């Protein structure tokens, strides 16, 4: 049950980001997409019972986290650049 609620949260964040970031920069579609994929991974996790099994679920989650970290780093860079 928790995974389904968590997935709903990730989907809501993805939608919010998609609206907020709409076409400001060409690569920004990647962040909302990653949140949506992370939500989908939670739906799959609810069915499998583990975030590491099957193996590709772990890879999917790790790729999403990598995008989150890169987006955070880019945001920090932009903040420092603009003061």
Protein backbone atom coordinates (compact mmCIF):
# COMPACT_ATOMS: atom_id res chain seq x y z
CA UNK A 1 0.00 0.00 0.00
CA UNK A 2 2.83 2.41 0.88
CA UNK A 3 4.45 1.92 -2.53
CA UNK A 4 1.26 2.93 -4.32
CA UNK A 5 0.97 6.10 -2.23
CA UNK A 6 4.64 6.86 -2.82
CA UNK A 7 4.19 6.29 -6.56
CA UNK A 8 1.31 8.78 -6.54
CA UNK A 9 3.58 11.33 -4.88
CA UNK A 10 6.29 10.84 -7.55
CA UNK A 11 3.69 11.17 -10.32
CA UNK A 12 2.38 14.39 -8.74
CA UNK A 13 5.92 15.79 -8.53
CA UNK A 14 6.52 14.81 -12.17
CA UNK A 15 3.37 16.61 -13.29
CA UNK A 16 4.16 19.69 -11.21
CA UNK A 17 7.68 19.87 -12.59
CA UNK A 18 6.48 19.36 -16.14
CA UNK A 19 4.13 22.32 -15.76
CA UNK A 20 6.64 24.50 -13.92
CA UNK A 21 9.60 23.76 -16.19
CA UNK A 22 7.67 23.67 -19.46
CA UNK A 23 10.15 24.31 -22.18
CA UNK A 24 12.35 26.74 -20.24
CA UNK A 25 15.38 24.74 -21.39
CA UNK A 26 15.49 21.85 -23.85
CA UNK A 27 16.87 19.26 -21.41
CA UNK A 28 14.43 20.00 -18.58
CA UNK A 29 11.94 17.39 -19.77
CA UNK A 30 14.31 14.81 -18.31
CA UNK A 31 13.64 15.67 -14.66
CA UNK A 32 9.83 15.28 -14.75
CA UNK A 33 10.25 12.14 -16.85
CA UNK A 34 12.64 10.71 -14.26
CA UNK A 35 10.15 11.37 -11.46
CA UNK A 36 7.44 9.63 -13.50
CA UNK A 37 9.73 6.64 -14.14
CA UNK A 38 10.60 6.55 -10.44
CA UNK A 39 6.87 6.44 -9.69
CA UNK A 40 6.44 3.59 -12.16
CA UNK A 41 9.31 1.76 -10.46
CA UNK A 42 7.43 1.99 -7.15
CA UNK A 43 4.36 0.45 -8.77
CA UNK A 44 6.56 -2.42 -10.01
CA UNK A 45 8.22 -2.67 -6.60
CA UNK A 46 4.78 -3.05 -4.97
CA UNK A 47 4.19 -6.07 -7.19
CA UNK A 48 7.62 -7.68 -6.81
CA UNK A 49 8.11 -6.86 -3.14
CA UNK A 50 11.71 -5.71 -3.56
CA UNK A 51 13.44 -2.69 -5.05
CA UNK A 52 16.40 -4.76 -6.27
CA UNK A 53 14.52 -7.66 -7.84
CA UNK A 54 14.30 -7.92 -10.81
CA UNK A 55 17.77 -6.51 -11.46
CA UNK A 56 16.56 -3.99 -14.03
CA UNK A 57 14.34 -2.37 -11.40
CA UNK A 58 17.43 -1.47 -9.40
CA UNK A 59 19.05 -0.08 -12.56
CA UNK A 60 15.90 1.95 -13.31
CA UNK A 61 15.85 3.43 -9.80
CA UNK A 62 19.59 4.15 -9.88
CA UNK A 63 19.28 5.96 -13.22
CA UNK A 64 16.49 8.12 -11.81
CA UNK A 65 18.52 8.98 -8.72
CA UNK A 66 21.45 9.90 -10.95
CA UNK A 67 19.24 12.33 -12.89
CA UNK A 68 17.96 13.79 -9.59
CA UNK A 69 21.53 14.35 -8.39
CA UNK A 70 22.65 15.89 -11.67
CA UNK A 71 19.63 18.21 -11.70
CA UNK A 72 20.37 19.24 -8.11
CA UNK A 73 23.99 19.93 -9.00
CA UNK A 74 22.94 22.00 -12.01
CA UNK A 75 20.48 23.97 -9.89
CA UNK A 76 23.19 24.72 -7.32
CA UNK A 77 25.51 25.82 -10.13
CA UNK A 78 22.86 28.18 -11.49
CA UNK A 79 22.22 29.64 -8.02
CA UNK A 80 25.92 30.35 -7.51
CA UNK A 81 26.18 31.83 -11.00
CA UNK A 82 23.28 34.22 -10.45
CA UNK A 83 24.20 35.25 -7.04
